Amino acid sequence: MGSDSIKRYALDTMREMPMDTLLCGGVQWMTEDSVESIMQDQDLDVDEFYMFKILKAWGSVADSERQAAARRMSMHIELKFIDPDLLKTQVRDAGYFEEKQIMEAVKLIED
């Protein structure tokens, strides 16, 4: 099996079973570029809250560079598609978004 075949298999597996592959510890070993590629992958079978959880799992490693990169990559998450209660708790507590962004998303959802 060639290198390209292995990469394709890994990508297909992540797309089909993201919770099993990414949220069970796999994402913490990825590079910033790999995580950003996942954040932008339209074929990944997750909603916005799970995308947030992927980012949080990667960014939660005690590394100030990762945390700054996670805040930057959070722009790929559309907050308006996350439940307001989750926005007000878990998303807010992560510190990747400004309070104004969270409140605007909550307002959009509740209107």
N, C-alpha and C. Protein backbone atom coordinates (compact mmCIF):
# COMPACT_ATOMS: atom_id res chain seq x y z
N MET A 1 0.86 -1.17 0.00
CA MET A 1 0.00 0.00 0.00
C MET A 1 0.90 1.23 0.00
N GLY A 2 0.72 2.12 -0.97
CA GLY A 2 1.55 3.30 -1.08
C GLY A 2 1.16 4.38 -0.10
N SER A 3 2.03 5.39 0.01
CA SER A 3 1.81 6.51 0.92
C SER A 3 0.50 7.24 0.62
N ASP A 4 0.21 7.45 -0.68
CA ASP A 4 -1.02 8.15 -1.05
C ASP A 4 -2.25 7.33 -0.67
N SER A 5 -2.16 6.01 -0.79
CA SER A 5 -3.28 5.14 -0.41
C SER A 5 -3.54 5.22 1.08
N ILE A 6 -2.48 5.26 1.87
CA ILE A 6 -2.63 5.35 3.32
C ILE A 6 -3.25 6.70 3.71
N LYS A 7 -2.79 7.77 3.09
CA LYS A 7 -3.36 9.10 3.37
C LYS A 7 -4.83 9.14 3.00
N ARG A 8 -5.18 8.58 1.85
CA ARG A 8 -6.58 8.56 1.40
C ARG A 8 -7.44 7.76 2.38
N TYR A 9 -6.94 6.59 2.81
CA TYR A 9 -7.65 5.75 3.76
C TYR A 9 -7.87 6.50 5.08
N ALA A 10 -6.82 7.15 5.57
CA ALA A 10 -6.92 7.90 6.83
C ALA A 10 -7.94 9.03 6.71
N LEU A 11 -7.90 9.76 5.62
CA LEU A 11 -8.85 10.86 5.41
C LEU A 11 -10.28 10.35 5.31
N ASP A 12 -10.47 9.28 4.56
CA ASP A 12 -11.81 8.70 4.43
C ASP A 12 -12.34 8.22 5.78
N THR A 13 -11.46 7.61 6.59
CA THR A 13 -11.87 7.13 7.91
C THR A 13 -12.24 8.30 8.81
N MET A 14 -11.46 9.38 8.78
CA MET A 14 -11.79 10.56 9.59
C MET A 14 -13.11 11.16 9.16
N ARG A 15 -13.37 11.19 7.85
CA ARG A 15 -14.63 11.77 7.36
C ARG A 15 -15.83 10.93 7.78
N GLU A 16 -15.68 9.63 7.74
CA GLU A 16 -16.81 8.74 8.04
C GLU A 16 -17.02 8.54 9.54
N MET A 17 -15.95 8.57 10.32
CA MET A 17 -16.05 8.31 11.76
C MET A 17 -15.26 9.35 12.55
N PRO A 18 -15.64 10.62 12.44
CA PRO A 18 -14.85 11.67 13.09
C PRO A 18 -14.82 11.57 14.61
N MET A 19 -15.92 11.13 15.22
CA MET A 19 -15.94 11.05 16.67
C MET A 19 -14.98 9.96 17.15
N ASP A 20 -14.90 8.87 16.43
CA ASP A 20 -14.03 7.76 16.81
C ASP A 20 -12.56 8.07 16.55
N THR A 21 -12.27 8.83 15.51
CA THR A 21 -10.88 9.05 15.13
C THR A 21 -10.31 10.36 15.66
N LEU A 22 -11.09 11.41 15.65
CA LEU A 22 -10.57 12.72 16.02
C LEU A 22 -10.80 13.06 17.48
N LEU A 23 -11.98 12.78 17.99
CA LEU A 23 -12.30 13.17 19.36
C LEU A 23 -11.83 12.17 20.40
N CYS A 24 -11.40 11.02 19.98
CA CYS A 24 -10.88 10.02 20.94
C CYS A 24 -9.37 10.13 21.06
N GLY A 25 -8.84 11.33 20.91
CA GLY A 25 -7.43 11.56 21.14
C GLY A 25 -6.58 11.73 19.89
N GLY A 26 -7.11 11.38 18.73
CA GLY A 26 -6.31 11.46 17.51
C GLY A 26 -5.92 12.87 17.11
N VAL A 27 -6.79 13.83 17.35
CA VAL A 27 -6.53 15.20 16.91
C VAL A 27 -5.37 15.84 17.67
N GLN A 28 -5.13 15.44 18.88
CA GLN A 28 -4.08 16.09 19.68
C GLN A 28 -2.69 15.89 19.09
N TRP A 29 -2.52 14.89 18.25
CA TRP A 29 -1.21 14.60 17.65
C TRP A 29 -1.03 15.26 16.30
N MET A 30 -2.04 15.95 15.82
CA MET A 30 -1.97 16.54 14.48
C MET A 30 -1.26 17.89 14.50
N THR A 31 -0.75 18.25 13.34
CA THR A 31 -0.12 19.56 13.18
C THR A 31 -1.20 20.62 13.01
N GLU A 32 -0.81 21.86 13.15
CA GLU A 32 -1.75 22.97 12.95
C GLU A 32 -2.34 22.93 11.55
N ASP A 33 -1.52 22.69 10.54
CA ASP A 33 -2.01 22.64 9.16
C ASP A 33 -3.04 21.53 8.97
N SER A 34 -2.79 20.39 9.59
CA SER A 34 -3.73 19.26 9.47
C SER A 34 -5.08 19.61 10.11
N VAL A 35 -5.03 20.21 11.28
CA VAL A 35 -6.27 20.58 11.97
C VAL A 35 -7.03 21.63 11.15
N GLU A 36 -6.31 22.59 10.60
CA GLU A 36 -6.99 23.61 9.79
C GLU A 36 -7.61 22.98 8.55
N SER A 37 -6.95 22.01 7.95
CA SER A 37 -7.53 21.30 6.80
C SER A 37 -8.82 20.60 7.20
N ILE A 38 -8.82 19.98 8.37
CA ILE A 38 -10.03 19.32 8.87
C ILE A 38 -11.13 20.35 9.09
N MET A 39 -10.78 21.48 9.67
CA MET A 39 -11.77 22.53 9.94
C MET A 39 -12.43 23.02 8.65
N GLN A 40 -11.72 22.95 7.55
CA GLN A 40 -12.23 23.44 6.27
C GLN A 40 -12.83 22.34 5.40
N ASP A 41 -12.76 21.10 5.84
CA ASP A 41 -13.22 19.96 5.05
C ASP A 41 -14.74 19.89 5.06
N GLN A 42 -15.34 20.15 3.91
CA GLN A 42 -16.80 20.15 3.80
C GLN A 42 -17.39 18.74 3.79
N ASP A 43 -16.54 17.73 3.62
CA ASP A 43 -17.03 16.35 3.57
C ASP A 43 -16.99 15.65 4.93
N LEU A 44 -16.48 16.33 5.93
CA LEU A 44 -16.42 15.75 7.27
C LEU A 44 -17.83 15.69 7.84
N ASP A 45 -18.22 14.54 8.35
CA ASP A 45 -19.60 14.31 8.78
C ASP A 45 -19.80 14.74 10.24
N VAL A 46 -19.72 16.06 10.48
CA VAL A 46 -19.94 16.61 11.81
C VAL A 46 -20.70 17.93 11.72
N ASP A 47 -21.36 18.30 12.81
CA ASP A 47 -22.00 19.60 12.86
C ASP A 47 -21.02 20.62 13.44
N GLU A 48 -21.43 21.84 13.56
CA GLU A 48 -20.53 22.91 14.01
C GLU A 48 -20.07 22.71 15.46
N PHE A 49 -20.93 22.18 16.31
CA PHE A 49 -20.51 21.97 17.69
C PHE A 49 -19.42 20.90 17.77
N TYR A 50 -19.55 19.85 16.99
CA TYR A 50 -18.48 18.83 16.99
C TYR A 50 -17.20 19.37 16.37
N MET A 51 -17.34 20.26 15.40
CA MET A 51 -16.14 20.91 14.84
C MET A 51 -15.46 21.73 15.94
N PHE A 52 -16.26 22.42 16.74
CA PHE A 52 -15.72 23.16 17.88
C PHE A 52 -15.01 22.20 18.84
N LYS A 53 -15.62 21.05 19.11
CA LYS A 53 -15.01 20.08 20.03
C LYS A 53 -13.68 19.56 19.49
N ILE A 54 -13.59 19.39 18.19
CA ILE A 54 -12.33 18.96 17.57
C ILE A 54 -11.27 20.04 17.81
N LEU A 55 -11.64 21.28 17.54
CA LEU A 55 -10.70 22.39 17.74
C LEU A 55 -10.30 22.49 19.21
N LYS A 56 -11.27 22.36 20.11
CA LYS A 56 -10.97 22.46 21.54
C LYS A 56 -10.05 21.33 21.99
N ALA A 57 -10.28 20.12 21.48
CA ALA A 57 -9.42 18.99 21.84
C ALA A 57 -7.98 19.25 21.41
N TRP A 58 -7.81 19.81 20.23
CA TRP A 58 -6.46 20.11 19.73
C TRP A 58 -5.85 21.27 20.52
N GLY A 59 -6.64 22.31 20.75
CA GLY A 59 -6.14 23.51 21.41
C GLY A 59 -5.96 23.38 22.91
N SER A 60 -6.50 22.32 23.49
CA SER A 60 -6.42 22.18 24.94
C SER A 60 -5.06 21.66 25.43
N VAL A 61 -4.21 21.26 24.50
CA VAL A 61 -2.85 20.87 24.89
C VAL A 61 -2.15 22.11 25.42
N ALA A 62 -1.48 21.98 26.54
CA ALA A 62 -0.84 23.14 27.20
C ALA A 62 0.30 23.69 26.36
N ASP A 63 -0.07 24.54 25.43
CA ASP A 63 0.91 25.14 24.51
C ASP A 63 0.31 26.47 24.05
N SER A 64 0.96 27.57 24.41
CA SER A 64 0.40 28.89 24.09
C SER A 64 0.30 29.12 22.58
N GLU A 65 1.20 28.54 21.81
CA GLU A 65 1.11 28.68 20.35
C GLU A 65 -0.12 27.98 19.81
N ARG A 66 -0.43 26.82 20.36
CA ARG A 66 -1.64 26.10 19.93
C ARG A 66 -2.89 26.88 20.28
N GLN A 67 -2.91 27.46 21.45
CA GLN A 67 -4.09 28.19 21.86
C GLN A 67 -4.32 29.41 20.98
N ALA A 68 -3.25 30.09 20.61
CA ALA A 68 -3.37 31.24 19.69
C ALA A 68 -3.83 30.76 18.32
N ALA A 69 -3.31 29.64 17.85
CA ALA A 69 -3.72 29.09 16.55
C ALA A 69 -5.18 28.65 16.61
N ALA A 70 -5.60 28.07 17.72
CA ALA A 70 -7.00 27.63 17.87
C ALA A 70 -7.95 28.83 17.81
N ARG A 71 -7.56 29.94 18.45
CA ARG A 71 -8.39 31.15 18.37
C ARG A 71 -8.50 31.63 16.92
N ARG A 72 -7.39 31.56 16.19
CA ARG A 72 -7.41 31.98 14.78
C ARG A 72 -8.28 31.02 13.96
N MET A 73 -8.14 29.72 14.18
CA MET A 73 -8.89 28.74 13.39
C MET A 73 -10.38 28.72 13.75
N SER A 74 -10.74 29.30 14.87
CA SER A 74 -12.16 29.31 15.26
C SER A 74 -13.01 30.06 14.23
N MET A 75 -12.37 30.86 13.39
CA MET A 75 -13.13 31.58 12.36
C MET A 75 -13.82 30.62 11.39
N HIS A 76 -13.39 29.36 11.36
CA HIS A 76 -14.00 28.37 10.47
C HIS A 76 -15.29 27.78 11.05
N ILE A 77 -15.63 28.15 12.25
CA ILE A 77 -16.83 27.63 12.91
C ILE A 77 -17.94 28.65 12.82
N GLU A 78 -19.09 28.23 12.31
CA GLU A 78 -20.24 29.12 12.21
C GLU A 78 -21.10 28.97 13.47
N LEU A 79 -20.96 29.92 14.35
CA LEU A 79 -21.62 29.86 15.65
C LEU A 79 -23.14 29.81 15.54
N LYS A 80 -23.69 30.37 14.51
CA LYS A 80 -25.16 30.41 14.38
C LYS A 80 -25.79 29.02 14.24
N PHE A 81 -24.97 28.00 14.04
CA PHE A 81 -25.48 26.64 13.92
C PHE A 81 -25.27 25.81 15.19
N ILE A 82 -24.89 26.47 16.28
CA ILE A 82 -24.68 25.79 17.56
C ILE A 82 -25.78 26.20 18.52
N ASP A 83 -26.27 25.25 19.28
CA ASP A 83 -27.33 25.50 20.26
C ASP A 83 -26.93 26.64 21.20
N PRO A 84 -27.84 27.59 21.44
CA PRO A 84 -27.53 28.73 22.30
C PRO A 84 -27.01 28.34 23.69
N ASP A 85 -27.55 27.27 24.28
CA ASP A 85 -27.07 26.85 25.61
C ASP A 85 -25.61 26.41 25.55
N LEU A 86 -25.23 25.76 24.47
CA LEU A 86 -23.83 25.34 24.30
C LEU A 86 -22.93 26.55 24.03
N LEU A 87 -23.47 27.52 23.29
CA LEU A 87 -22.70 28.75 23.04
C LEU A 87 -22.41 29.48 24.36
N LYS A 88 -23.44 29.54 25.22
CA LYS A 88 -23.31 30.28 26.46
C LYS A 88 -22.46 29.57 27.51
N THR A 89 -22.19 28.31 27.30
CA THR A 89 -21.42 27.55 28.29
C THR A 89 -20.09 27.09 27.70
N GLN A 90 -20.11 25.97 27.02
CA GLN A 90 -18.87 25.34 26.56
C GLN A 90 -18.09 26.20 25.55
N VAL A 91 -18.79 26.79 24.62
CA VAL A 91 -18.10 27.60 23.60
C VAL A 91 -17.51 28.86 24.25
N ARG A 92 -18.29 29.53 25.07
CA ARG A 92 -17.80 30.73 25.77
C ARG A 92 -16.60 30.39 26.64
N ASP A 93 -16.71 29.30 27.39
CA ASP A 93 -15.65 28.93 28.33
C ASP A 93 -14.32 28.59 27.65
N ALA A 94 -14.37 28.19 26.40
CA ALA A 94 -13.13 27.83 25.68
C ALA A 94 -12.25 29.05 25.44
N GLY A 95 -12.88 30.22 25.30
CA GLY A 95 -12.11 31.45 25.11
C GLY A 95 -11.62 31.69 23.69
N TYR A 96 -12.17 30.97 22.72
CA TYR A 96 -11.75 31.16 21.33
C TYR A 96 -12.52 32.26 20.62
N PHE A 97 -13.64 32.67 21.20
CA PHE A 97 -14.50 33.67 20.56
C PHE A 97 -14.69 34.87 21.47
N GLU A 98 -14.87 36.02 20.87
CA GLU A 98 -15.19 37.22 21.62
C GLU A 98 -16.64 37.11 22.11
N GLU A 99 -16.91 37.73 23.23
CA GLU A 99 -18.27 37.73 23.79
C GLU A 99 -19.28 38.27 22.77
N LYS A 100 -18.88 39.28 22.04
CA LYS A 100 -19.75 39.88 21.03
C LYS A 100 -20.16 38.86 19.96
N GLN A 101 -19.22 38.02 19.53
CA GLN A 101 -19.53 37.00 18.53
C GLN A 101 -20.55 36.00 19.06
N ILE A 102 -20.38 35.60 20.29
CA ILE A 102 -21.30 34.64 20.89
C ILE A 102 -22.69 35.24 21.03
N MET A 103 -22.76 36.46 21.52
CA MET A 103 -24.07 37.10 21.72
C MET A 103 -24.77 37.36 20.39
N GLU A 104 -24.01 37.73 19.36
CA GLU A 104 -24.62 37.93 18.02
C GLU A 104 -25.20 36.62 17.49
N ALA A 105 -24.47 35.52 17.68
CA ALA A 105 -24.96 34.22 17.22
C ALA A 105 -26.22 33.82 17.99
N VAL A 106 -26.23 34.02 19.29
CA VAL A 106 -27.40 33.70 20.10
C VAL A 106 -28.61 34.51 19.64
N LYS A 107 -28.38 35.78 19.36
CA LYS A 107 -29.46 36.65 18.89
C LYS A 107 -30.01 36.17 17.54
N LEU A 108 -29.12 35.80 16.63
CA LEU A 108 -29.54 35.30 15.33
C LEU A 108 -30.40 34.04 15.48
N ILE A 109 -29.99 33.16 16.36
CA ILE A 109 -30.69 31.90 16.56
C ILE A 109 -32.06 32.13 17.21
N GLU A 110 -32.11 33.00 18.18
CA GLU A 110 -33.34 33.20 18.94
C GLU A 110 -34.34 34.11 18.25
N ASP A 111 -33.91 34.87 17.25
CA ASP A 111 -34.85 35.76 16.53
C ASP A 111 -35.65 35.03 15.49
